[in-house]
């Protein structure tokens, strides 16, 4: 299982929706409960965020490779989870 790194901003409505979908997916599929997901709020940890190449939030990285940036869907998040499990 590969770790997921998610960049967010507290004021971002797309980030809030993504977090809700992430919780829904974990409830729907117990295999997602074991995922290693680290969240970085770019306003709280700008020194960490500045080391990564992205513009929009939410942004997801798996093994330091950007797998999604910007407005997500539940399906996109499911795909991210599945990629991390592979």
PDB file of N, CA and C in Angstrom:
ATOM      1  N   UNK A   1       0.841  -1.177   0.000  1.00  0.00           N
ATOM      2  CA  UNK A   1       0.000   0.000   0.000  1.00  0.00           C
ATOM      3  C   UNK A   1       0.888   1.242   0.000  1.00  0.00           C
ATOM      4  N   UNK A   2       0.565   2.171  -0.888  1.00  0.00           N
ATOM      5  CA  UNK A   2       1.364   3.387  -1.018  1.00  0.00           C
ATOM      6  C   UNK A   2       0.703   4.535  -0.245  1.00  0.00           C
ATOM      7  N   UNK A   3       1.509   5.400   0.388  1.00  0.00           N
ATOM      8  CA  UNK A   3       0.935   6.531   1.118  1.00  0.00           C
ATOM      9  C   UNK A   3       0.372   7.598   0.173  1.00  0.00           C
ATOM     10  N   UNK A   4      -0.689   8.244   0.632  1.00  0.00           N
ATOM     11  CA  UNK A   4      -1.328   9.338  -0.101  1.00  0.00           C
ATOM     12  C   UNK A   4      -1.014  10.634   0.646  1.00  0.00           C
ATOM     13  N   UNK A   5      -0.627  11.640  -0.097  1.00  0.00           N
ATOM     14  CA  UNK A   5      -0.409  12.971   0.462  1.00  0.00           C
ATOM     15  C   UNK A   5      -1.428  13.900  -0.178  1.00  0.00           C
ATOM     16  N   UNK A   6      -2.240  14.537   0.654  1.00  0.00           N
ATOM     17  CA  UNK A   6      -3.309  15.416   0.164  1.00  0.00           C
ATOM     18  C   UNK A   6      -3.039  16.841   0.622  1.00  0.00           C
ATOM     19  N   UNK A   7      -3.071  17.776  -0.330  1.00  0.00           N
ATOM     20  CA  UNK A   7      -2.922  19.193  -0.010  1.00  0.00           C
ATOM     21  C   UNK A   7      -4.285  19.847  -0.032  1.00  0.00           C
ATOM     22  N   UNK A   8      -4.567  20.623   0.995  1.00  0.00           N
ATOM     23  CA  UNK A   8      -5.868  21.264   1.160  1.00  0.00           C
ATOM     24  C   UNK A   8      -5.684  22.710   1.609  1.00  0.00           C
ATOM     25  N   UNK A   9      -6.810  23.386   1.708  1.00  0.00           N
ATOM     26  CA  UNK A   9      -6.904  24.693   2.371  1.00  0.00           C
ATOM     27  C   UNK A   9      -8.209  24.666   3.154  1.00  0.00           C
ATOM     28  N   UNK A  10      -8.170  25.125   4.382  1.00  0.00           N
ATOM     29  CA  UNK A  10      -9.349  25.093   5.235  1.00  0.00           C
ATOM     30  C   UNK A  10     -10.562  25.786   4.642  1.00  0.00           C
ATOM     31  N   UNK A  11     -10.338  26.818   3.863  1.00  0.00           N
ATOM     32  CA  UNK A  11     -11.446  27.592   3.301  1.00  0.00           C
ATOM     33  C   UNK A  11     -11.946  27.057   1.956  1.00  0.00           C
ATOM     34  N   UNK A  12     -11.369  25.985   1.471  1.00  0.00           N
ATOM     35  CA  UNK A  12     -11.692  25.463   0.139  1.00  0.00           C
ATOM     36  C   UNK A  12     -12.921  24.551   0.187  1.00  0.00           C
ATOM     37  N   UNK A  13     -14.012  24.939  -0.483  1.00  0.00           N
ATOM     38  CA  UNK A  13     -15.204  24.088  -0.474  1.00  0.00           C
ATOM     39  C   UNK A  13     -14.985  22.754  -1.191  1.00  0.00           C
ATOM     40  N   UNK A  14     -14.130  22.731  -2.193  1.00  0.00           N
ATOM     41  CA  UNK A  14     -13.847  21.479  -2.908  1.00  0.00           C
ATOM     42  C   UNK A  14     -13.076  20.511  -2.003  1.00  0.00           C
ATOM     43  N   UNK A  15     -12.226  21.053  -1.159  1.00  0.00           N
ATOM     44  CA  UNK A  15     -11.488  20.220  -0.209  1.00  0.00           C
ATOM     45  C   UNK A  15     -12.445  19.612   0.812  1.00  0.00           C
ATOM     46  N   UNK A  16     -13.381  20.416   1.290  1.00  0.00           N
ATOM     47  CA  UNK A  16     -14.354  19.910   2.265  1.00  0.00           C
ATOM     48  C   UNK A  16     -15.196  18.793   1.661  1.00  0.00           C
ATOM     49  N   UNK A  17     -15.599  18.969   0.418  1.00  0.00           N
ATOM     50  CA  UNK A  17     -16.395  17.934  -0.262  1.00  0.00           C
ATOM     51  C   UNK A  17     -15.542  16.675  -0.477  1.00  0.00           C
ATOM     52  N   UNK A  18     -14.284  16.862  -0.842  1.00  0.00           N
ATOM     53  CA  UNK A  18     -13.386  15.719  -1.036  1.00  0.00           C
ATOM     54  C   UNK A  18     -13.221  14.937   0.267  1.00  0.00           C
ATOM     55  N   UNK A  19     -13.068  15.637   1.372  1.00  0.00           N
ATOM     56  CA  UNK A  19     -12.924  14.965   2.665  1.00  0.00           C
ATOM     57  C   UNK A  19     -14.179  14.168   3.008  1.00  0.00           C
ATOM     58  N   UNK A  20     -15.340  14.728   2.705  1.00  0.00           N
ATOM     59  CA  UNK A  20     -16.601  14.016   2.956  1.00  0.00           C
ATOM     60  C   UNK A  20     -16.679  12.760   2.092  1.00  0.00           C
ATOM     61  N   UNK A  21     -16.305  12.873   0.830  1.00  0.00           N
ATOM     62  CA  UNK A  21     -16.317  11.699  -0.051  1.00  0.00           C
ATOM     63  C   UNK A  21     -15.319  10.645   0.428  1.00  0.00           C
ATOM     64  N   UNK A  22     -14.177  11.082   0.914  1.00  0.00           N
ATOM     65  CA  UNK A  22     -13.188  10.141   1.421  1.00  0.00           C
ATOM     66  C   UNK A  22     -13.774   9.333   2.575  1.00  0.00           C
ATOM     67  N   UNK A  23     -14.485   9.992   3.468  1.00  0.00           N
ATOM     68  CA  UNK A  23     -15.114   9.294   4.589  1.00  0.00           C
ATOM     69  C   UNK A  23     -16.213   8.352   4.103  1.00  0.00           C
ATOM     70  N   UNK A  24     -17.007   8.799   3.128  1.00  0.00           N
ATOM     71  CA  UNK A  24     -18.048   7.935   2.554  1.00  0.00           C
ATOM     72  C   UNK A  24     -17.436   6.667   1.960  1.00  0.00           C
ATOM     73  N   UNK A  25     -16.368   6.848   1.205  1.00  0.00           N
ATOM     74  CA  UNK A  25     -15.719   5.704   0.566  1.00  0.00           C
ATOM     75  C   UNK A  25     -15.166   4.721   1.595  1.00  0.00           C
ATOM     76  N   UNK A  26     -14.633   5.234   2.692  1.00  0.00           N
ATOM     77  CA  UNK A  26     -14.122   4.356   3.748  1.00  0.00           C
ATOM     78  C   UNK A  26     -15.253   3.554   4.388  1.00  0.00           C
ATOM     79  N   UNK A  27     -16.421   4.174   4.526  1.00  0.00           N
ATOM     80  CA  UNK A  27     -17.575   3.468   5.091  1.00  0.00           C
ATOM     81  C   UNK A  27     -18.112   2.425   4.119  1.00  0.00           C
ATOM     82  N   UNK A  28     -18.049   2.730   2.827  1.00  0.00           N
ATOM     83  CA  UNK A  28     -18.553   1.819   1.805  1.00  0.00           C
ATOM     84  C   UNK A  28     -17.628   0.629   1.567  1.00  0.00           C
ATOM     85  N   UNK A  29     -16.331   0.840   1.743  1.00  0.00           N
ATOM     86  CA  UNK A  29     -15.372  -0.214   1.435  1.00  0.00           C
ATOM     87  C   UNK A  29     -14.299  -0.269   2.526  1.00  0.00           C
ATOM     88  N   UNK A  30     -14.381  -1.262   3.412  1.00  0.00           N
ATOM     89  CA  UNK A  30     -13.443  -1.345   4.532  1.00  0.00           C
ATOM     90  C   UNK A  30     -11.972  -1.444   4.122  1.00  0.00           C
ATOM     91  N   UNK A  31     -11.677  -1.866   2.897  1.00  0.00           N
ATOM     92  CA  UNK A  31     -10.265  -1.961   2.505  1.00  0.00           C
ATOM     93  C   UNK A  31      -9.609  -0.580   2.455  1.00  0.00           C
ATOM     94  N   UNK A  32     -10.400   0.473   2.357  1.00  0.00           N
ATOM     95  CA  UNK A  32      -9.854   1.828   2.339  1.00  0.00           C
ATOM     96  C   UNK A  32      -9.484   2.333   3.737  1.00  0.00           C
ATOM     97  N   UNK A  33      -9.964   1.658   4.771  1.00  0.00           N
ATOM     98  CA  UNK A  33      -9.696   2.111   6.138  1.00  0.00           C
ATOM     99  C   UNK A  33      -8.211   2.073   6.475  1.00  0.00           C
ATOM    100  N   UNK A  34      -7.462   1.177   5.854  1.00  0.00           N
ATOM    101  CA  UNK A  34      -6.042   1.043   6.144  1.00  0.00           C
ATOM    102  C   UNK A  34      -5.141   1.979   5.364  1.00  0.00           C
ATOM    103  N   UNK A  35      -5.711   2.828   4.531  1.00  0.00           N
ATOM    104  CA  UNK A  35      -4.888   3.737   3.726  1.00  0.00           C
ATOM    105  C   UNK A  35      -4.132   4.723   4.610  1.00  0.00           C
ATOM    106  N   UNK A  36      -2.908   4.990   4.222  1.00  0.00           N
ATOM    107  CA  UNK A  36      -2.061   5.962   4.913  1.00  0.00           C
ATOM    108  C   UNK A  36      -2.232   7.297   4.189  1.00  0.00           C
ATOM    109  N   UNK A  37      -3.054   8.180   4.761  1.00  0.00           N
ATOM    110  CA  UNK A  37      -3.352   9.465   4.137  1.00  0.00           C
ATOM    111  C   UNK A  37      -2.853  10.585   5.040  1.00  0.00           C
ATOM    112  N   UNK A  38      -1.913  11.369   4.520  1.00  0.00           N
ATOM    113  CA  UNK A  38      -1.427  12.547   5.232  1.00  0.00           C
ATOM    114  C   UNK A  38      -2.022  13.776   4.576  1.00  0.00           C
ATOM    115  N   UNK A  39      -2.508  14.699   5.398  1.00  0.00           N
ATOM    116  CA  UNK A  39      -3.099  15.922   4.863  1.00  0.00           C
ATOM    117  C   UNK A  39      -2.265  17.127   5.278  1.00  0.00           C
ATOM    118  N   UNK A  40      -1.990  17.958   4.295  1.00  0.00           N
ATOM    119  CA  UNK A  40      -1.222  19.185   4.516  1.00  0.00           C
ATOM    120  C   UNK A  40      -2.103  20.366   4.146  1.00  0.00           C
ATOM    121  N   UNK A  41      -2.390  21.225   5.118  1.00  0.00           N
ATOM    122  CA  UNK A  41      -3.093  22.473   4.831  1.00  0.00           C
ATOM    123  C   UNK A  41      -2.022  23.480   4.439  1.00  0.00           C
ATOM    124  N   UNK A  42      -2.079  23.963   3.207  1.00  0.00           N
ATOM    125  CA  UNK A  42      -0.988  24.825   2.727  1.00  0.00           C
ATOM    126  C   UNK A  42      -0.894  26.140   3.479  1.00  0.00           C
ATOM    127  N   UNK A  43      -1.969  26.559   4.144  1.00  0.00           N
ATOM    128  CA  UNK A  43      -1.903  27.781   4.950  1.00  0.00           C
ATOM    129  C   UNK A  43      -1.240  27.534   6.301  1.00  0.00           C
ATOM    130  N   UNK A  44      -1.325  26.307   6.786  1.00  0.00           N
ATOM    131  CA  UNK A  44      -0.747  25.956   8.078  1.00  0.00           C
ATOM    132  C   UNK A  44       0.695  25.487   7.934  1.00  0.00           C
ATOM    133  N   UNK A  45       0.988  24.791   6.822  1.00  0.00           N
ATOM    134  CA  UNK A  45       2.331  24.255   6.596  1.00  0.00           C
ATOM    135  C   UNK A  45       2.886  24.705   5.237  1.00  0.00           C
ATOM    136  N   UNK A  46       3.046  26.014   5.040  1.00  0.00           N
ATOM    137  CA  UNK A  46       3.504  26.503   3.737  1.00  0.00           C
ATOM    138  C   UNK A  46       4.902  26.008   3.357  1.00  0.00           C
ATOM    139  N   UNK A  47       5.754  25.729   4.341  1.00  0.00           N
ATOM    140  CA  UNK A  47       7.109  25.262   4.014  1.00  0.00           C
ATOM    141  C   UNK A  47       7.067  23.866   3.391  1.00  0.00           C
ATOM    142  N   UNK A  48       6.131  23.033   3.798  1.00  0.00           N
ATOM    143  CA  UNK A  48       5.974  21.705   3.196  1.00  0.00           C
ATOM    144  C   UNK A  48       5.321  21.848   1.820  1.00  0.00           C
ATOM    145  N   UNK A  49       4.251  22.632   1.749  1.00  0.00           N
ATOM    146  CA  UNK A  49       3.514  22.802   0.493  1.00  0.00           C
ATOM    147  C   UNK A  49       4.393  23.371  -0.614  1.00  0.00           C
ATOM    148  N   UNK A  50       5.308  24.260  -0.259  1.00  0.00           N
ATOM    149  CA  UNK A  50       6.148  24.903  -1.280  1.00  0.00           C
ATOM    150  C   UNK A  50       7.114  23.927  -1.955  1.00  0.00           C
ATOM    151  N   UNK A  51       7.295  22.753  -1.396  1.00  0.00           N
ATOM    152  CA  UNK A  51       8.204  21.757  -1.974  1.00  0.00           C
ATOM    153  C   UNK A  51       7.542  20.933  -3.081  1.00  0.00           C
ATOM    154  N   UNK A  52       6.241  21.119  -3.269  1.00  0.00           N
ATOM    155  CA  UNK A  52       5.493  20.330  -4.254  1.00  0.00           C
ATOM    156  C   UNK A  52       4.974  21.223  -5.366  1.00  0.00           C
ATOM    157  N   UNK A  53       4.887  20.651  -6.562  1.00  0.00           N
ATOM    158  CA  UNK A  53       4.450  21.387  -7.745  1.00  0.00           C
ATOM    159  C   UNK A  53       2.946  21.188  -7.965  1.00  0.00           C
ATOM    160  N   UNK A  54       2.164  22.159  -7.523  1.00  0.00           N
ATOM    161  CA  UNK A  54       0.720  22.157  -7.760  1.00  0.00           C
ATOM    162  C   UNK A  54       0.218  23.585  -7.625  1.00  0.00           C
ATOM    163  N   UNK A  55      -0.984  23.824  -8.131  1.00  0.00           N
ATOM    164  CA  UNK A  55      -1.559  25.162  -8.075  1.00  0.00           C
ATOM    165  C   UNK A  55      -2.908  25.153  -7.363  1.00  0.00           C
ATOM    166  N   UNK A  56      -3.740  24.148  -7.671  1.00  0.00           N
ATOM    167  CA  UNK A  56      -5.086  24.066  -7.112  1.00  0.00           C
ATOM    168  C   UNK A  56      -5.161  23.031  -6.005  1.00  0.00           C
ATOM    169  N   UNK A  57      -6.109  23.233  -5.096  1.00  0.00           N
ATOM    170  CA  UNK A  57      -6.410  22.233  -4.076  1.00  0.00           C
ATOM    171  C   UNK A  57      -7.853  21.782  -4.257  1.00  0.00           C
ATOM    172  N   UNK A  58      -8.172  20.567  -3.868  1.00  0.00           N
ATOM    173  CA  UNK A  58      -7.273  19.581  -3.311  1.00  0.00           C
ATOM    174  C   UNK A  58      -6.362  18.972  -4.374  1.00  0.00           C
ATOM    175  N   UNK A  59      -5.176  18.607  -3.932  1.00  0.00           N
ATOM    176  CA  UNK A  59      -4.220  17.905  -4.785  1.00  0.00           C
ATOM    177  C   UNK A  59      -3.764  16.661  -4.040  1.00  0.00           C
ATOM    178  N   UNK A  60      -3.660  15.568  -4.785  1.00  0.00           N
ATOM    179  CA  UNK A  60      -3.238  14.284  -4.217  1.00  0.00           C
ATOM    180  C   UNK A  60      -1.949  13.823  -4.884  1.00  0.00           C
ATOM    181  N   UNK A  61      -1.019  13.344  -4.052  1.00  0.00           N
ATOM    182  CA  UNK A  61       0.215  12.728  -4.526  1.00  0.00           C
ATOM    183  C   UNK A  61       0.286  11.297  -3.981  1.00  0.00           C
ATOM    184  N   UNK A  62       0.754  10.381  -4.804  1.00  0.00           N
ATOM    185  CA  UNK A  62       1.066   9.024  -4.368  1.00  0.00           C
ATOM    186  C   UNK A  62       2.509   8.772  -4.776  1.00  0.00           C
ATOM    187  N   UNK A  63       3.344   8.410  -3.808  1.00  0.00           N
ATOM    188  CA  UNK A  63       4.775   8.217  -4.069  1.00  0.00           C
ATOM    189  C   UNK A  63       5.397   9.438  -4.754  1.00  0.00           C
ATOM    190  N   UNK A  64       5.055  10.613  -4.260  1.00  0.00           N
ATOM    191  CA  UNK A  64       5.556  11.889  -4.791  1.00  0.00           C
ATOM    192  C   UNK A  64       5.187  12.146  -6.247  1.00  0.00           C
ATOM    193  N   UNK A  65       4.193  11.437  -6.760  1.00  0.00           N
ATOM    194  CA  UNK A  65       3.682  11.672  -8.114  1.00  0.00           C
ATOM    195  C   UNK A  65       2.280  12.244  -7.997  1.00  0.00           C
ATOM    196  N   UNK A  66       2.062  13.392  -8.633  1.00  0.00           N
ATOM    197  CA  UNK A  66       0.746  14.016  -8.578  1.00  0.00           C
ATOM    198  C   UNK A  66      -0.245  13.159  -9.365  1.00  0.00           C
ATOM    199  N   UNK A  67      -1.322  12.737  -8.682  1.00  0.00           N
ATOM    200  CA  UNK A  67      -2.324  11.899  -9.341  1.00  0.00           C
ATOM    201  C   UNK A  67      -3.643  12.640  -9.563  1.00  0.00           C
ATOM    202  N   UNK A  68      -3.819  13.765  -8.887  1.00  0.00           N
ATOM    203  CA  UNK A  68      -5.008  14.595  -9.151  1.00  0.00           C
ATOM    204  C   UNK A  68      -4.788  15.981  -8.571  1.00  0.00           C
ATOM    205  N   UNK A  69      -5.286  16.975  -9.315  1.00  0.00           N
ATOM    206  CA  UNK A  69      -5.223  18.371  -8.866  1.00  0.00           C
ATOM    207  C   UNK A  69      -6.516  19.067  -9.254  1.00  0.00           C
ATOM    208  N   UNK A  70      -7.133  19.728  -8.293  1.00  0.00           N
ATOM    209  CA  UNK A  70      -8.327  20.511  -8.586  1.00  0.00           C
ATOM    210  C   UNK A  70      -9.605  19.827  -8.147  1.00  0.00           C
ATOM    211  N   UNK A  71     -10.714  20.277  -8.730  1.00  0.00           N
ATOM    212  CA  UNK A  71     -12.036  19.811  -8.334  1.00  0.00           C
ATOM    213  C   UNK A  71     -12.157  18.299  -8.518  1.00  0.00           C
ATOM    214  N   UNK A  72     -12.421  17.574  -7.423  1.00  0.00           N
ATOM    215  CA  UNK A  72     -12.535  16.116  -7.527  1.00  0.00           C
ATOM    216  C   UNK A  72     -13.994  15.668  -7.655  1.00  0.00           C
ATOM    217  N   UNK A  73     -14.144  14.405  -7.928  1.00  0.00           N
ATOM    218  CA  UNK A  73     -15.437  13.736  -7.842  1.00  0.00           C
ATOM    219  C   UNK A  73     -15.228  12.531  -6.931  1.00  0.00           C
ATOM    220  N   UNK A  74     -16.304  11.941  -6.515  1.00  0.00           N
ATOM    221  CA  UNK A  74     -16.189  10.745  -5.692  1.00  0.00           C
ATOM    222  C   UNK A  74     -15.472   9.638  -6.469  1.00  0.00           C
ATOM    223  N   UNK A  75     -15.758   9.545  -7.767  1.00  0.00           N
ATOM    224  CA  UNK A  75     -15.102   8.551  -8.617  1.00  0.00           C
ATOM    225  C   UNK A  75     -13.605   8.773  -8.724  1.00  0.00           C
ATOM    226  N   UNK A  76     -13.190  10.018  -8.812  1.00  0.00           N
ATOM    227  CA  UNK A  76     -11.758  10.335  -8.875  1.00  0.00           C
ATOM    228  C   UNK A  76     -11.078   9.916  -7.575  1.00  0.00           C
ATOM    229  N   UNK A  77     -11.714  10.198  -6.457  1.00  0.00           N
ATOM    230  CA  UNK A  77     -11.123   9.832  -5.170  1.00  0.00           C
ATOM    231  C   UNK A  77     -11.052   8.315  -5.033  1.00  0.00           C
ATOM    232  N   UNK A  78     -12.076   7.613  -5.496  1.00  0.00           N
ATOM    233  CA  UNK A  78     -12.043   6.145  -5.480  1.00  0.00           C
ATOM    234  C   UNK A  78     -10.845   5.637  -6.284  1.00  0.00           C
ATOM    235  N   UNK A  79     -10.612   6.241  -7.436  1.00  0.00           N
ATOM    236  CA  UNK A  79      -9.483   5.836  -8.279  1.00  0.00           C
ATOM    237  C   UNK A  79      -8.155   6.106  -7.565  1.00  0.00           C
ATOM    238  N   UNK A  80      -8.050   7.218  -6.868  1.00  0.00           N
ATOM    239  CA  UNK A  80      -6.851   7.533  -6.098  1.00  0.00           C
ATOM    240  C   UNK A  80      -6.633   6.458  -5.033  1.00  0.00           C
ATOM    241  N   UNK A  81      -7.689   6.114  -4.324  1.00  0.00           N
ATOM    242  CA  UNK A  81      -7.606   5.079  -3.289  1.00  0.00           C
ATOM    243  C   UNK A  81      -7.155   3.750  -3.895  1.00  0.00           C
ATOM    244  N   UNK A  82      -7.745   3.386  -5.032  1.00  0.00           N
ATOM    245  CA  UNK A  82      -7.388   2.122  -5.678  1.00  0.00           C
ATOM    246  C   UNK A  82      -5.933   2.121  -6.139  1.00  0.00           C
ATOM    247  N   UNK A  83      -5.462   3.252  -6.643  1.00  0.00           N
ATOM    248  CA  UNK A  83      -4.064   3.368  -7.059  1.00  0.00           C
ATOM    249  C   UNK A  83      -3.132   3.169  -5.868  1.00  0.00           C
ATOM    250  N   UNK A  84      -3.509   3.719  -4.722  1.00  0.00           N
ATOM    251  CA  UNK A  84      -2.683   3.583  -3.524  1.00  0.00           C
ATOM    252  C   UNK A  84      -2.637   2.136  -3.036  1.00  0.00           C
ATOM    253  N   UNK A  85      -3.702   1.391  -3.266  1.00  0.00           N
ATOM    254  CA  UNK A  85      -3.766   0.005  -2.809  1.00  0.00           C
ATOM    255  C   UNK A  85      -2.956  -0.918  -3.711  1.00  0.00           C
ATOM    256  N   UNK A  86      -2.844  -0.601  -4.995  1.00  0.00           N
ATOM    257  CA  UNK A  86      -2.133  -1.471  -5.954  1.00  0.00           C
ATOM    258  C   UNK A  86      -0.710  -1.759  -5.551  1.00  0.00           C
TER     259      UNK A  86
END
